[in-house]
Amino acid sequence: MANRERVLITGAAGFLGSHLCDRFIAEGYHVIGMDNLITGDLRNIEHLFHLEQFEFYNHDVSKFVHVSGDLKYILHFASPASPIDYLKIPIQTLKVGSLGTHNLLGLAMAKKARILVASTSEVYGDPTVHPQTEDYWGNVNPVGPRGVYDEAKRFQEAMTMAYHTYHGLETRIVRIFNTYGPRMRLNDGRVLPAFMGQALRGEDLTVFGDGSQTRSFCYVADLVEGIYRLLKSDCVDPVNIGNPGEITIAQFVEEIIKLTGTDQKVVYKPLPLDDPKQRQPNISRAKSLLGWEPQVGREEGLRITWEYFKSLPKERLYEEAHHRDFQKD
């Protein structure tokens, strides 16, 4: 253990954070996972607890962060990421994107560590440019219900770049597009687990709007590979990581019906305010600078994810996120 380079991963008990823990342990690192379990779940990382090269701290990064010893890398993935979460805990979402990012940038400075921050395609808002390239500045409503997440991430990017520009800190920024796979929460409000959860529970499948809005779904293993390559690269500018295979929600729900065999009907509800009408990454920068593009087709990825959801205990099909009181401050 003494010879392993050490990496801090915040949001470690979340969907993406837990997969990143797996990857860095597989690459031979000593992983320090940190999460205050707002939306994360210890069940996502319980398979790592017996390993000497893994340690976990229950801590809110919006408060001062101390880690003893050297750090090679910091990956900042602590943040609510689904609408059902950040609409319930808007202030904490803003705090982890601002105060949390500031604390971790300061830690990276102190440790002389390279830091990668997880941004999102939501910085593009409801885009007027399609597909979205990294040089598009976005169309975001800062005072709308989604603004707490969108603007937290935009501020996070600005602060990260300021630390790079003015302090010379080694920084990387990944803009993550819709990602799916095992360990997603069934009831987190995102379209794929929502459809699969409804199919498992024998409920009607809910489409918001008329289904003409588009999304582009990337399997989690592909995303993790892109993040790993970006961390190791020399690219300071933001990089889109996602699957450019665009599909309408109406088409997607039909794929889910075919996969799951559900005979429930599709019901339509009003589109939420500021919900993006189009979402598709331009990944030219990732291709040219990282040699990266997705490898897992949607049919294969959906099959793996469906098998995972089917394997869950029945009680987890109805499980909601628990948001502790302190998050409302």
Protein backbone atom coordinates (compact mmCIF):
# COMPACT_ATOMS: atom_id res chain seq x y z
CA MET A 1 0.00 0.00 0.00
CA ALA A 2 2.85 2.39 0.76
CA ASN A 3 3.95 2.33 -2.89
CA ARG A 4 0.55 3.07 -4.39
CA GLU A 5 -0.24 6.54 -5.69
CA ARG A 6 -3.28 7.94 -3.92
CA VAL A 7 -6.42 9.40 -5.48
CA LEU A 8 -9.33 11.16 -3.77
CA ILE A 9 -12.76 10.60 -5.33
CA THR A 10 -15.63 12.70 -4.00
CA GLY A 11 -19.17 11.47 -4.51
CA ALA A 12 -17.64 8.01 -4.19
CA ALA A 13 -20.85 6.24 -3.16
CA GLY A 14 -22.79 7.59 -6.11
CA PHE A 15 -23.47 5.99 -9.47
CA LEU A 16 -20.47 7.41 -11.32
CA GLY A 17 -18.21 7.80 -8.30
CA SER A 18 -18.48 4.13 -7.38
CA HIS A 19 -17.52 3.03 -10.89
CA LEU A 20 -14.55 5.40 -10.79
CA CYS A 21 -13.45 3.85 -7.49
CA ASP A 22 -13.51 0.44 -9.18
CA ARG A 23 -11.48 1.70 -12.12
CA PHE A 24 -8.76 3.38 -10.11
CA ILE A 25 -8.37 0.39 -7.80
CA ALA A 26 -8.06 -1.82 -10.89
CA GLU A 27 -5.35 0.56 -12.17
CA GLY A 28 -3.34 0.04 -8.99
CA TYR A 29 -4.13 3.22 -7.06
CA HIS A 30 -4.98 3.65 -3.40
CA VAL A 31 -8.46 5.18 -3.45
CA ILE A 32 -9.84 7.51 -0.81
CA GLY A 33 -13.59 7.72 -1.26
CA MET A 34 -15.50 10.64 0.21
CA ASP A 35 -19.27 11.12 0.31
CA ASN A 36 -21.80 12.61 2.73
CA LEU A 37 -24.42 10.13 1.47
CA ILE A 38 -26.96 12.74 0.44
CA THR A 39 -27.79 10.79 -2.68
CA GLY A 40 -24.98 8.24 -2.60
CA ASP A 41 -25.46 4.71 -1.32
CA LEU A 42 -22.89 2.68 0.61
CA ARG A 43 -24.21 -0.43 -1.14
CA ASN A 44 -22.48 0.85 -4.29
CA ILE A 45 -19.05 0.52 -2.68
CA GLU A 46 -19.52 -2.12 0.01
CA HIS A 47 -17.62 -4.61 -2.16
CA LEU A 48 -14.52 -2.42 -1.69
CA PHE A 49 -14.52 -2.12 2.10
CA HIS A 50 -12.38 -5.19 2.66
CA LEU A 51 -9.58 -3.90 0.42
CA GLU A 52 -6.53 -2.33 2.02
CA GLN A 53 -6.21 -0.01 -0.99
CA PHE A 54 -9.59 1.58 -0.31
CA GLU A 55 -10.75 3.84 2.50
CA PHE A 56 -13.95 5.79 2.93
CA TYR A 57 -14.81 9.04 4.71
CA ASN A 58 -18.36 10.23 5.36
CA HIS A 59 -17.83 13.95 4.85
CA ASP A 60 -19.51 16.95 3.23
CA VAL A 61 -16.99 18.62 0.92
CA SER A 62 -18.85 21.92 1.28
CA LYS A 63 -17.06 22.03 4.63
CA PHE A 64 -13.28 22.13 5.00
CA VAL A 65 -11.64 19.03 3.50
CA HIS A 66 -8.55 17.52 5.09
CA VAL A 67 -6.74 14.46 3.75
CA SER A 68 -3.44 13.44 5.30
CA GLY A 69 -0.56 12.30 3.13
CA ASP A 70 0.16 12.74 -0.55
CA LEU A 71 -2.42 12.85 -3.32
CA LYS A 72 -1.70 12.28 -6.98
CA TYR A 73 -5.20 13.07 -8.27
CA ILE A 74 -8.53 14.46 -7.08
CA LEU A 75 -11.75 13.67 -8.93
CA HIS A 76 -14.63 15.89 -7.81
CA PHE A 77 -17.91 14.06 -8.46
CA ALA A 78 -19.81 15.15 -5.35
CA SER A 79 -23.14 16.66 -6.41
CA PRO A 80 -26.79 15.75 -6.72
CA ALA A 81 -27.19 14.99 -10.43
CA SER A 82 -30.85 14.21 -11.02
CA PRO A 83 -33.77 16.67 -11.07
CA ILE A 84 -35.61 14.87 -8.28
CA ASP A 85 -32.59 15.46 -6.04
CA TYR A 86 -31.47 18.98 -6.86
CA LEU A 87 -35.05 20.28 -6.84
CA LYS A 88 -35.44 18.94 -3.28
CA ILE A 89 -32.08 20.21 -2.04
CA PRO A 90 -31.31 23.26 -4.17
CA ILE A 91 -29.12 25.13 -1.70
CA GLN A 92 -26.93 22.14 -0.97
CA THR A 93 -26.58 21.61 -4.73
CA LEU A 94 -25.30 25.16 -5.11
CA LYS A 95 -22.98 24.78 -2.12
CA VAL A 96 -21.28 21.61 -3.32
CA GLY A 97 -20.68 23.18 -6.73
CA SER A 98 -19.26 26.38 -5.23
CA LEU A 99 -17.92 25.88 -1.71
CA GLY A 100 -17.14 22.22 -2.32
CA THR A 101 -15.25 22.97 -5.51
CA HIS A 102 -13.35 25.79 -3.79
CA ASN A 103 -12.33 23.49 -0.94
CA LEU A 104 -11.11 20.79 -3.30
CA LEU A 105 -9.20 23.20 -5.53
CA GLY A 106 -7.48 24.46 -2.39
CA LEU A 107 -6.66 20.89 -1.38
CA ALA A 108 -5.26 20.21 -4.85
CA MET A 109 -3.05 23.29 -4.49
CA ALA A 110 -1.79 22.15 -1.09
CA LYS A 111 -1.09 18.61 -2.32
CA LYS A 112 0.21 19.65 -5.76
CA ALA A 113 -2.35 17.22 -7.15
CA ARG A 114 -4.06 17.27 -10.54
CA ILE A 115 -7.83 17.74 -10.16
CA LEU A 116 -10.61 16.71 -12.53
CA VAL A 117 -14.03 18.23 -11.94
CA ALA A 118 -17.25 16.69 -13.18
CA SER A 119 -19.29 19.18 -15.12
CA THR A 120 -22.34 18.36 -17.20
CA SER A 121 -24.09 18.86 -20.50
CA GLU A 122 -26.58 20.93 -18.50
CA VAL A 123 -24.16 23.88 -18.79
CA TYR A 124 -25.56 24.13 -22.34
CA GLY A 125 -29.09 24.52 -20.98
CA ASP A 126 -31.83 24.25 -23.62
CA PRO A 127 -29.38 24.54 -26.51
CA THR A 128 -29.75 26.65 -29.63
CA VAL A 129 -26.71 24.88 -31.15
CA HIS A 130 -26.98 21.22 -32.10
CA PRO A 131 -25.07 19.01 -31.52
CA GLN A 132 -23.36 20.77 -28.63
CA THR A 133 -19.68 21.65 -28.98
CA GLU A 134 -17.44 22.73 -26.14
CA ASP A 135 -17.18 26.29 -27.48
CA TYR A 136 -20.97 26.81 -27.22
CA TRP A 137 -21.75 29.02 -24.21
CA GLY A 138 -25.21 27.69 -23.56
CA ASN A 139 -28.80 28.89 -23.11
CA VAL A 140 -29.47 28.66 -19.38
CA ASN A 141 -32.20 30.20 -17.20
CA PRO A 142 -30.34 31.10 -13.99
CA VAL A 143 -33.50 31.66 -11.96
CA GLY A 144 -35.50 28.68 -13.24
CA PRO A 145 -35.92 25.48 -11.21
CA ARG A 146 -32.97 23.82 -12.97
CA GLY A 147 -30.75 26.87 -12.47
CA VAL A 148 -29.46 25.62 -9.11
CA TYR A 149 -27.75 22.72 -10.87
CA ASP A 150 -26.90 24.37 -14.18
CA GLU A 151 -25.35 27.47 -12.63
CA ALA A 152 -23.55 25.51 -9.92
CA LYS A 153 -21.77 23.60 -12.66
CA ARG A 154 -21.07 26.71 -14.73
CA PHE A 155 -19.57 28.43 -11.68
CA GLN A 156 -17.59 25.27 -10.94
CA GLU A 157 -16.04 25.39 -14.40
CA ALA A 158 -15.20 29.10 -14.05
CA MET A 159 -13.53 28.63 -10.67
CA THR A 160 -11.60 25.61 -11.88
CA MET A 161 -10.27 27.50 -14.88
CA ALA A 162 -9.39 30.48 -12.67
CA TYR A 163 -7.26 28.24 -10.44
CA HIS A 164 -5.52 26.91 -13.54
CA THR A 165 -4.96 30.35 -15.05
CA TYR A 166 -3.93 32.27 -11.94
CA HIS A 167 -2.31 29.56 -9.82
CA GLY A 168 -1.02 27.20 -12.49
CA LEU A 169 -2.99 24.31 -10.97
CA GLU A 170 -3.27 21.16 -13.09
CA THR A 171 -7.00 20.99 -13.84
CA ARG A 172 -9.29 18.98 -16.11
CA ILE A 173 -13.02 19.55 -16.83
CA VAL A 174 -15.30 16.82 -18.16
CA ARG A 175 -18.78 17.66 -19.45
CA ILE A 176 -20.82 14.52 -18.92
CA PHE A 177 -23.81 13.71 -21.10
CA ASN A 178 -26.62 11.28 -20.18
CA THR A 179 -25.03 8.16 -18.74
CA TYR A 180 -26.61 4.91 -17.62
CA GLY A 181 -25.71 1.51 -16.24
CA PRO A 182 -25.74 -0.61 -13.08
CA ARG A 183 -25.98 1.24 -9.73
CA MET A 184 -28.29 3.94 -10.98
CA ARG A 185 -31.09 4.67 -8.54
CA LEU A 186 -34.41 3.51 -9.93
CA ASN A 187 -36.35 6.47 -8.57
CA ASP A 188 -33.95 9.33 -9.22
CA GLY A 189 -36.15 11.01 -11.82
CA ARG A 190 -33.97 10.38 -14.86
CA VAL A 191 -35.63 8.95 -17.92
CA LEU A 192 -33.93 5.55 -18.24
CA PRO A 193 -34.30 4.31 -14.64
CA ALA A 194 -37.77 5.85 -14.54
CA PHE A 195 -38.92 3.76 -17.51
CA MET A 196 -37.27 0.58 -16.24
CA GLY A 197 -38.60 1.09 -12.71
CA GLN A 198 -42.12 1.58 -14.02
CA ALA A 199 -41.80 -1.57 -16.13
CA LEU A 200 -40.63 -3.58 -13.11
CA ARG A 201 -43.46 -2.28 -10.94
CA GLY A 202 -46.10 -2.86 -13.61
CA GLU A 203 -46.88 0.83 -13.94
CA ASP A 204 -47.66 2.92 -16.99
CA LEU A 205 -44.57 4.46 -18.61
CA THR A 206 -44.55 8.25 -18.25
CA VAL A 207 -43.32 10.45 -21.09
CA PHE A 208 -43.04 14.17 -20.41
CA GLY A 209 -43.97 16.40 -23.33
CA ASP A 210 -44.83 14.86 -26.67
CA GLY A 211 -41.72 12.65 -26.75
CA SER A 212 -40.02 14.61 -29.53
CA GLN A 213 -37.22 15.82 -27.23
CA THR A 214 -33.94 13.96 -27.72
CA ARG A 215 -31.28 12.46 -25.50
CA SER A 216 -28.00 10.64 -26.16
CA PHE A 217 -27.22 7.79 -23.78
CA CYS A 218 -23.67 6.67 -22.90
CA TYR A 219 -22.94 3.41 -21.10
CA VAL A 220 -21.07 3.93 -17.84
CA ALA A 221 -17.98 1.88 -18.76
CA ASP A 222 -17.44 4.07 -21.82
CA LEU A 223 -17.82 7.22 -19.74
CA VAL A 224 -15.31 6.03 -17.14
CA GLU A 225 -12.80 5.26 -19.89
CA GLY A 226 -13.21 8.76 -21.30
CA ILE A 227 -12.77 10.35 -17.88
CA TYR A 228 -9.66 8.29 -17.20
CA ARG A 229 -8.10 9.31 -20.52
CA LEU A 230 -8.95 12.96 -19.93
CA LEU A 231 -7.36 12.92 -16.48
CA LYS A 232 -4.16 11.52 -17.95
CA SER A 233 -4.14 13.91 -20.92
CA ASP A 234 -2.75 17.41 -21.32
CA CYS A 235 -6.14 18.92 -22.20
CA VAL A 236 -7.11 21.80 -19.93
CA ASP A 237 -10.22 22.93 -21.82
CA PRO A 238 -13.60 21.28 -21.14
CA VAL A 239 -14.22 18.02 -23.00
CA ASN A 240 -17.59 16.49 -23.85
CA ILE A 241 -17.81 12.81 -22.93
CA GLY A 242 -20.97 11.10 -24.10
CA ASN A 243 -22.47 8.94 -26.81
CA PRO A 244 -23.54 10.92 -29.90
CA GLY A 245 -26.23 8.36 -30.76
CA GLU A 246 -29.26 10.66 -30.49
CA ILE A 247 -32.78 9.28 -30.00
CA THR A 248 -36.17 10.82 -29.27
CA ILE A 249 -37.85 9.95 -26.00
CA ALA A 250 -40.78 8.52 -27.98
CA GLN A 251 -38.40 6.14 -29.76
CA PHE A 252 -36.59 5.36 -26.54
CA VAL A 253 -39.71 4.33 -24.65
CA GLU A 254 -40.49 1.87 -27.46
CA GLU A 255 -37.00 0.36 -27.05
CA ILE A 256 -37.67 -0.03 -23.32
CA ILE A 257 -41.05 -1.68 -23.97
CA LYS A 258 -39.42 -4.14 -26.36
CA LEU A 259 -36.57 -4.90 -23.95
CA THR A 260 -38.69 -5.33 -20.81
CA GLY A 261 -41.73 -6.95 -22.39
CA THR A 262 -44.04 -4.71 -20.39
CA ASP A 263 -47.62 -4.41 -21.61
CA GLN A 264 -48.32 -1.18 -19.74
CA LYS A 265 -49.42 1.84 -21.74
CA VAL A 266 -47.47 5.04 -22.33
CA VAL A 267 -48.95 8.14 -20.70
CA TYR A 268 -48.00 11.72 -21.49
CA LYS A 269 -47.56 14.56 -18.99
CA PRO A 270 -46.55 18.21 -19.42
CA LEU A 271 -42.89 18.92 -20.07
CA PRO A 272 -41.12 20.40 -17.01
CA LEU A 273 -39.99 24.03 -17.20
CA ASP A 274 -36.65 24.55 -19.00
CA ASP A 275 -36.34 20.86 -19.89
CA PRO A 276 -33.84 20.65 -22.80
CA LYS A 277 -35.46 19.86 -26.17
CA GLN A 278 -32.26 18.43 -27.66
CA ARG A 279 -29.20 16.82 -26.20
CA GLN A 280 -26.38 15.38 -28.32
CA PRO A 281 -22.64 15.72 -27.75
CA ASN A 282 -20.16 16.65 -30.40
CA ILE A 283 -17.21 14.46 -29.36
CA SER A 284 -14.69 15.61 -31.95
CA ARG A 285 -12.41 16.99 -29.23
CA ALA A 286 -12.48 13.71 -27.28
CA LYS A 287 -11.75 11.76 -30.46
CA SER A 288 -8.82 13.92 -31.54
CA LEU A 289 -7.21 14.62 -28.17
CA LEU A 290 -8.02 11.47 -26.21
CA GLY A 291 -8.51 8.89 -28.95
CA TRP A 292 -11.82 8.14 -27.28
CA GLU A 293 -15.26 7.24 -28.52
CA PRO A 294 -17.96 4.97 -27.07
CA GLN A 295 -17.68 1.23 -27.66
CA VAL A 296 -20.84 -0.16 -26.05
CA GLY A 297 -23.96 -0.04 -28.22
CA ARG A 298 -27.25 1.02 -26.69
CA GLU A 299 -28.84 -2.41 -27.16
CA GLU A 300 -26.04 -4.11 -25.21
CA GLY A 301 -25.86 -1.45 -22.52
CA LEU A 302 -29.61 -1.46 -21.95
CA ARG A 303 -29.64 -5.24 -21.65
CA ILE A 304 -26.92 -5.18 -18.97
CA THR A 305 -28.70 -2.40 -17.09
CA TRP A 306 -32.07 -4.17 -17.25
CA GLU A 307 -30.53 -7.36 -15.87
CA TYR A 308 -29.06 -5.34 -13.00
CA PHE A 309 -32.40 -3.74 -12.13
CA LYS A 310 -34.17 -7.09 -12.32
CA SER A 311 -31.70 -8.53 -9.80
CA LEU A 312 -32.52 -5.94 -7.12
CA PRO A 313 -34.57 -6.95 -4.07
CA LYS A 314 -38.23 -6.05 -4.48
CA GLU A 315 -38.16 -3.43 -1.75
CA ARG A 316 -35.58 -1.40 -3.68
CA LEU A 317 -38.03 -0.96 -6.56
CA TYR A 318 -39.94 1.49 -4.36
CA GLU A 319 -37.01 3.04 -2.57
CA GLU A 320 -36.70 6.82 -2.51
CA ALA A 321 -33.66 8.94 -1.75
CA HIS A 322 -33.39 10.17 1.83
CA HIS A 323 -32.31 13.78 2.21
CA ARG A 324 -31.09 14.69 5.67
CA ASP A 325 -32.28 17.88 7.34
CA PHE A 326 -28.90 19.64 7.29
CA GLN A 327 -29.07 19.82 3.52
CA LYS A 328 -31.74 22.52 3.69
CA ASP A 329 -29.39 25.09 5.25
